[in-house]
PDB file of N, CA and C in Angstrom:
ATOM      1  N   MET A   1       5.405  23.376  10.357  1.00  0.00           N
ATOM      2  CA  MET A   1       5.582  22.199   9.415  1.00  0.00           C
ATOM      3  C   MET A   1       5.207  22.733   7.954  1.00  0.00           C
ATOM      4  N   SER A   2       5.825  22.368   7.185  1.00  0.00           N
ATOM      5  CA  SER A   2       5.700  22.550   5.641  1.00  0.00           C
ATOM      6  C   SER A   2       5.032  21.800   5.310  1.00  0.00           C
ATOM      7  N   ALA A   3       4.591  22.245   3.795  1.00  0.00           N
ATOM      8  CA  ALA A   3       3.784  21.638   2.860  1.00  0.00           C
ATOM      9  C   ALA A   3       4.434  20.344   2.567  1.00  0.00           C
ATOM     10  N   GLN A   4       5.594  20.119   2.249  1.00  0.00           N
ATOM     11  CA  GLN A   4       6.628  18.964   1.986  1.00  0.00           C
ATOM     12  C   GLN A   4       5.839  17.661   3.294  1.00  0.00           C
ATOM     13  N   GLN A   5       6.040  18.154   4.151  1.00  0.00           N
ATOM     14  CA  GLN A   5       5.968  17.088   5.357  1.00  0.00           C
ATOM     15  C   GLN A   5       4.788  16.958   5.620  1.00  0.00           C
ATOM     16  N   ILE A   6       3.728  17.750   5.443  1.00  0.00           N
ATOM     17  CA  ILE A   6       1.988  17.511   5.553  1.00  0.00           C
ATOM     18  C   ILE A   6       2.147  16.321   4.406  1.00  0.00           C
ATOM     19  N   MET A   7       2.372  16.750   3.093  1.00  0.00           N
ATOM     20  CA  MET A   7       1.998  15.696   2.267  1.00  0.00           C
ATOM     21  C   MET A   7       2.807  14.427   2.111  1.00  0.00           C
ATOM     22  N   GLY A   8       4.137  14.317   2.790  1.00  0.00           N
ATOM     23  CA  GLY A   8       4.875  13.171   3.164  1.00  0.00           C
ATOM     24  C   GLY A   8       3.781  12.141   4.093  1.00  0.00           C
ATOM     25  N   ILE A   9       3.228  12.985   5.412  1.00  0.00           N
ATOM     26  CA  ILE A   9       2.413  12.406   6.423  1.00  0.00           C
ATOM     27  C   ILE A   9       1.181  11.806   5.794  1.00  0.00           C
ATOM     28  N   ILE A  10       0.707  12.565   4.770  1.00  0.00           N
ATOM     29  CA  ILE A  10      -0.775  11.945   4.118  1.00  0.00           C
ATOM     30  C   ILE A  10      -0.461  10.548   3.503  1.00  0.00           C
ATOM     31  N   LEU A  11       0.788  10.954   2.568  1.00  0.00           N
ATOM     32  CA  LEU A  11       1.233   9.653   1.346  1.00  0.00           C
ATOM     33  C   LEU A  11       1.423   8.684   2.608  1.00  0.00           C
ATOM     34  N   LEU A  12       2.005   8.783   3.683  1.00  0.00           N
ATOM     35  CA  LEU A  12       2.337   7.467   4.586  1.00  0.00           C
ATOM     36  C   LEU A  12       1.586   6.831   5.035  1.00  0.00           C
ATOM     37  N   VAL A  13       0.208   7.594   5.539  1.00  0.00           N
ATOM     38  CA  VAL A  13      -1.030   7.578   5.827  1.00  0.00           C
ATOM     39  C   VAL A  13      -1.955   6.383   5.040  1.00  0.00           C
ATOM     40  N   VAL A  14      -2.182   7.220   3.974  1.00  0.00           N
ATOM     41  CA  VAL A  14      -2.814   6.401   2.609  1.00  0.00           C
ATOM     42  C   VAL A  14      -1.866   4.804   2.215  1.00  0.00           C
ATOM     43  N   GLY A  15      -0.708   5.159   2.218  1.00  0.00           N
ATOM     44  CA  GLY A  15      -0.043   3.987   1.958  1.00  0.00           C
ATOM     45  C   GLY A  15      -0.203   2.763   3.218  1.00  0.00           C
ATOM     46  N   VAL A  16      -0.122   2.987   4.274  1.00  0.00           N
ATOM     47  CA  VAL A  16      -0.662   1.840   5.590  1.00  0.00           C
ATOM     48  C   VAL A  16      -1.883   1.563   5.363  1.00  0.00           C
ATOM     49  N   ILE A  17      -2.565   2.741   4.983  1.00  0.00           N
ATOM     50  CA  ILE A  17      -4.307   2.067   4.828  1.00  0.00           C
ATOM     51  C   ILE A  17      -4.286   1.001   3.650  1.00  0.00           C
ATOM     52  N   LEU A  18      -3.695   1.467   2.561  1.00  0.00           N
ATOM     53  CA  LEU A  18      -3.679   0.554   0.988  1.00  0.00           C
ATOM     54  C   LEU A  18      -3.094  -0.924   1.375  1.00  0.00           C
ATOM     55  N   LEU A  19      -1.984  -0.649   2.407  1.00  0.00           N
ATOM     56  CA  LEU A  19      -1.452  -1.969   2.394  1.00  0.00           C
ATOM     57  C   LEU A  19      -2.282  -2.957   3.445  1.00  0.00           C
ATOM     58  N   PHE A  20      -2.768  -2.280   4.318  1.00  0.00           N
ATOM     59  CA  PHE A  20      -3.689  -3.060   5.228  1.00  0.00           C
ATOM     60  C   PHE A  20      -5.345  -3.706   4.757  1.00  0.00           C
ATOM     61  N   ALA A  21      -5.244  -2.558   3.762  1.00  0.00           N
ATOM     62  CA  ALA A  21      -6.542  -3.190   2.758  1.00  0.00           C
ATOM     63  C   ALA A  21      -6.040  -4.360   2.047  1.00  0.00           C
ATOM     64  N   GLY A  22      -5.078  -4.314   1.070  1.00  0.00           N
ATOM     65  CA  GLY A  22      -4.382  -5.178   0.696  1.00  0.00           C
ATOM     66  C   GLY A  22      -4.301  -6.970   1.436  1.00  0.00           C
ATOM     67  N   TRP A  23      -3.773  -6.478   2.416  1.00  0.00           N
ATOM     68  CA  TRP A  23      -3.442  -7.755   3.411  1.00  0.00           C
ATOM     69  C   TRP A  23      -4.300  -8.418   3.762  1.00  0.00           C
ATOM     70  N   GLN A  24      -5.996  -7.637   4.077  1.00  0.00           N
ATOM     71  CA  GLN A  24      -7.339  -8.158   4.535  1.00  0.00           C
ATOM     72  C   GLN A  24      -7.505  -8.611   3.083  1.00  0.00           C
ATOM     73  N   ALA A  25      -7.249  -8.375   2.044  1.00  0.00           N
ATOM     74  CA  ALA A  25      -8.208  -8.913   0.737  1.00  0.00           C
ATOM     75  C   ALA A  25      -7.408  -9.872   0.490  1.00  0.00           C
ATOM     76  N   SER A  26      -6.026 -10.279   0.673  1.00  0.00           N
ATOM     77  CA  SER A  26      -5.280 -11.307   0.571  1.00  0.00           C
ATOM     78  C   SER A  26      -5.631 -12.699   1.684  1.00  0.00           C
ATOM     79  N   GLN A  27      -6.397 -12.132   2.324  1.00  0.00           N
ATOM     80  CA  GLN A  27      -6.559 -13.223   3.607  1.00  0.00           C
ATOM     81  C   GLN A  27      -7.906 -13.752   3.497  1.00  0.00           C
ATOM     82  N   SER A  28      -8.694 -13.296   2.537  1.00  0.00           N
ATOM     83  CA  SER A  28     -10.189 -14.149   2.338  1.00  0.00           C
ATOM     84  C   SER A  28     -10.027 -15.425   1.477  1.00  0.00           C
ATOM     85  N   VAL A  29     -11.083 -16.231   1.957  1.00  0.00           N
ATOM     86  CA  VAL A  29     -11.209 -17.407   1.630  1.00  0.00           C
ATOM     87  C   VAL A  29     -11.114 -17.307  -0.169  1.00  0.00           C
ATOM     88  N   GLY A  30     -11.948 -16.244  -0.796  1.00  0.00           N
ATOM     89  CA  GLY A  30     -11.582 -16.492  -2.327  1.00  0.00           C
ATOM     90  C   GLY A  30     -10.340 -16.114  -2.659  1.00  0.00           C
ATOM     91  N   GLU A  31      -9.637 -15.383  -2.080  1.00  0.00           N
ATOM     92  CA  GLU A  31      -8.500 -14.876  -2.623  1.00  0.00           C
ATOM     93  C   GLU A  31      -7.346 -15.948  -2.318  1.00  0.00           C
ATOM     94  N   GLN A  32      -7.668 -16.791  -1.240  1.00  0.00           N
ATOM     95  CA  GLN A  32      -6.571 -18.081  -0.927  1.00  0.00           C
ATOM     96  C   GLN A  32      -6.921 -19.102  -1.932  1.00  0.00           C
ATOM     97  N   LEU A  33      -7.931 -19.208  -2.804  1.00  0.00           N
ATOM     98  CA  LEU A  33      -8.713 -20.196  -3.613  1.00  0.00           C
ATOM     99  C   LEU A  33      -7.858 -19.749  -4.666  1.00  0.00           C
ATOM    100  N   HIS A  34      -7.810 -18.599  -5.188  1.00  0.00           N
ATOM    101  CA  HIS A  34      -7.476 -18.036  -6.344  1.00  0.00           C
ATOM    102  C   HIS A  34      -5.766 -18.170  -6.330  1.00  0.00           C
ATOM    103  N   GLU A  35      -5.596 -17.798  -5.361  1.00  0.00           N
ATOM    104  CA  GLU A  35      -3.830 -17.893  -5.236  1.00  0.00           C
ATOM    105  C   GLU A  35      -3.505 -19.563  -5.396  1.00  0.00           C
ATOM    106  N   THR A  36      -3.995 -20.261  -4.608  1.00  0.00           N
ATOM    107  CA  THR A  36      -3.845 -21.857  -4.735  1.00  0.00           C
ATOM    108  C   THR A  36      -4.023 -22.433  -5.929  1.00  0.00           C
ATOM    109  N   MET A  37      -4.899 -22.036  -6.611  1.00  0.00           N
ATOM    110  CA  MET A  37      -5.168 -22.326  -8.465  1.00  0.00           C
ATOM    111  C   MET A  37      -4.139 -21.615  -9.322  1.00  0.00           C
ATOM    112  N   MET A  38      -4.195 -20.435  -9.089  1.00  0.00           N
ATOM    113  CA  MET A  38      -3.407 -19.681  -9.989  1.00  0.00           C
ATOM    114  C   MET A  38      -1.849 -19.527  -9.770  1.00  0.00           C
ATOM    115  N   GLY A  39      -1.971 -19.309  -8.495  1.00  0.00           N
ATOM    116  CA  GLY A  39      -0.406 -19.287  -7.859  1.00  0.00           C
ATOM    117  C   GLY A  39      -0.154 -17.810  -7.734  1.00  0.00           C
ATOM    118  N   ARG A  40      -0.996 -16.830  -8.193  1.00  0.00           N
ATOM    119  CA  ARG A  40      -0.829 -15.369  -7.451  1.00  0.00           C
ATOM    120  C   ARG A  40      -1.784 -14.871  -6.978  1.00  0.00           C
ATOM    121  N   PHE A  41      -1.912 -13.405  -6.575  1.00  0.00           N
ATOM    122  CA  PHE A  41      -3.185 -13.186  -5.885  1.00  0.00           C
ATOM    123  C   PHE A  41      -4.143 -12.195  -7.082  1.00  0.00           C
ATOM    124  N   THR A  42      -5.452 -11.961  -6.889  1.00  0.00           N
ATOM    125  CA  THR A  42      -5.781 -11.307  -8.111  1.00  0.00           C
ATOM    126  C   THR A  42      -5.239  -9.764  -8.575  1.00  0.00           C
ATOM    127  N   ASP A  43      -5.586  -9.414  -9.381  1.00  0.00           N
ATOM    128  CA  ASP A  43      -5.204  -7.969 -10.028  1.00  0.00           C
ATOM    129  C   ASP A  43      -5.726  -6.994  -8.729  1.00  0.00           C
ATOM    130  N   SER A  44      -6.811  -6.824  -8.315  1.00  0.00           N
ATOM    131  CA  SER A  44      -6.978  -5.683  -7.652  1.00  0.00           C
ATOM    132  C   SER A  44      -6.254  -5.886  -6.110  1.00  0.00           C
ATOM    133  N   THR A  45      -5.785  -7.247  -5.771  1.00  0.00           N
ATOM    134  CA  THR A  45      -5.215  -7.118  -4.504  1.00  0.00           C
ATOM    135  C   THR A  45      -3.682  -6.780  -4.571  1.00  0.00           C
ATOM    136  N   MET A  46      -3.444  -6.996  -5.893  1.00  0.00           N
ATOM    137  CA  MET A  46      -1.825  -6.754  -6.033  1.00  0.00           C
ATOM    138  C   MET A  46      -1.973  -5.164  -6.282  1.00  0.00           C
ATOM    139  N   TRP A  47      -3.074  -4.521  -7.027  1.00  0.00           N
ATOM    140  CA  TRP A  47      -2.919  -2.802  -6.902  1.00  0.00           C
ATOM    141  C   TRP A  47      -2.889  -2.078  -5.552  1.00  0.00           C
ATOM    142  N   TYR A  48      -3.442  -2.867  -4.452  1.00  0.00           N
ATOM    143  CA  TYR A  48      -3.674  -2.654  -3.159  1.00  0.00           C
ATOM    144  C   TYR A  48      -2.207  -2.370  -2.723  1.00  0.00           C
ATOM    145  N   LEU A  49      -1.680  -3.601  -2.975  1.00  0.00           N
ATOM    146  CA  LEU A  49      -0.269  -3.861  -2.244  1.00  0.00           C
ATOM    147  C   LEU A  49       0.915  -3.099  -2.802  1.00  0.00           C
ATOM    148  N   ILE A  50       0.688  -2.783  -4.240  1.00  0.00           N
ATOM    149  CA  ILE A  50       1.609  -2.218  -4.769  1.00  0.00           C
ATOM    150  C   ILE A  50       1.321  -0.602  -4.514  1.00  0.00           C
ATOM    151  N   GLY A  51       0.042  -0.090  -4.855  1.00  0.00           N
ATOM    152  CA  GLY A  51      -0.066   1.330  -3.970  1.00  0.00           C
ATOM    153  C   GLY A  51       0.379   1.558  -2.878  1.00  0.00           C
ATOM    154  N   GLY A  52       0.365   0.816  -2.169  1.00  0.00           N
ATOM    155  CA  GLY A  52       0.563   1.033  -0.529  1.00  0.00           C
ATOM    156  C   GLY A  52       1.823   1.063  -0.295  1.00  0.00           C
ATOM    157  N   ILE A  53       2.625   0.077  -1.003  1.00  0.00           N
ATOM    158  CA  ILE A  53       4.087   0.423  -0.930  1.00  0.00           C
ATOM    159  C   ILE A  53       4.545   1.898  -1.709  1.00  0.00           C
ATOM    160  N   GLY A  54       3.985   1.662  -2.872  1.00  0.00           N
ATOM    161  CA  GLY A  54       4.534   3.271  -3.352  1.00  0.00           C
ATOM    162  C   GLY A  54       3.923   4.458  -2.615  1.00  0.00           C
ATOM    163  N   ALA A  55       2.969   4.691  -1.929  1.00  0.00           N
ATOM    164  CA  ALA A  55       2.680   5.385  -1.228  1.00  0.00           C
ATOM    165  C   ALA A  55       3.217   5.879  -0.173  1.00  0.00           C
ATOM    166  N   ALA A  56       3.477   4.653   0.914  1.00  0.00           N
ATOM    167  CA  ALA A  56       4.495   4.682   1.812  1.00  0.00           C
ATOM    168  C   ALA A  56       5.804   5.121   1.527  1.00  0.00           C
ATOM    169  N   VAL A  57       6.451   4.254   0.598  1.00  0.00           N
ATOM    170  CA  VAL A  57       7.850   4.910   0.516  1.00  0.00           C
ATOM    171  C   VAL A  57       7.971   6.135   0.103  1.00  0.00           C
ATOM    172  N   GLY A  58       6.969   6.726  -0.915  1.00  0.00           N
ATOM    173  CA  GLY A  58       6.987   8.091  -1.307  1.00  0.00           C
ATOM    174  C   GLY A  58       6.696   9.075  -0.146  1.00  0.00           C
ATOM    175  N   GLY A  59       5.691   8.899   0.683  1.00  0.00           N
ATOM    176  CA  GLY A  59       5.919   9.641   2.032  1.00  0.00           C
ATOM    177  C   GLY A  59       6.689   9.694   3.015  1.00  0.00           C
ATOM    178  N   VAL A  60       7.804   8.592   2.999  1.00  0.00           N
ATOM    179  CA  VAL A  60       8.690   8.642   3.751  1.00  0.00           C
ATOM    180  C   VAL A  60       9.912   9.478   3.492  1.00  0.00           C
ATOM    181  N   LEU A  61      10.144   9.581   2.174  1.00  0.00           N
ATOM    182  CA  LEU A  61      10.968  10.197   1.318  1.00  0.00           C
ATOM    183  C   LEU A  61      10.778  11.620   1.406  1.00  0.00           C
ATOM    184  N   LEU A  62       9.309  12.161   1.365  1.00  0.00           N
ATOM    185  CA  LEU A  62       9.046  13.220   1.622  1.00  0.00           C
ATOM    186  C   LEU A  62       9.273  13.921   2.940  1.00  0.00           C
ATOM    187  N   LEU A  63       9.195  12.997   3.909  1.00  0.00           N
ATOM    188  CA  LEU A  63       9.493  13.074   5.498  1.00  0.00           C
ATOM    189  C   LEU A  63      11.174  13.332   5.481  1.00  0.00           C
ATOM    190  N   VAL A  64      11.514  12.455   4.792  1.00  0.00           N
ATOM    191  CA  VAL A  64      13.147  12.304   5.268  1.00  0.00           C
ATOM    192  C   VAL A  64      13.972  13.351   4.314  1.00  0.00           C
ATOM    193  N   VAL A  65      14.009  13.852   3.020  1.00  0.00           N
ATOM    194  CA  VAL A  65      14.626  14.226   2.431  1.00  0.00           C
ATOM    195  C   VAL A  65      14.301  15.914   2.557  1.00  0.00           C
ATOM    196  N   ARG A  66      15.153  16.688   2.628  1.00  0.00           N
ATOM    197  CA  ARG A  66      15.088  18.033   3.264  1.00  0.00           C
ATOM    198  C   ARG A  66      15.406  18.789   1.929  1.00  0.00           C
ATOM    199  N   ARG A  67      14.224  20.119   1.671  1.00  0.00           N
ATOM    200  CA  ARG A  67      14.756  20.779   0.235  1.00  0.00           C
ATOM    201  C   ARG A  67      15.790  21.796   0.667  1.00  0.00           C
TER     202      ARG A  67
END
């Protein structure tokens, strides 16, 4: 297994963990109330979701693209 594949797997796992944490945070009562009042999630929840998507996409790209 190459270093690129290992890094891809690590990024993919970190991305999934961040997405799960962001989803869990978005389901909290306080977050739902904030979204209802402001029309968007809090900044911390958005960073979890954005970071999770970025890490997961980067991990998949490292696993798929061969050098």
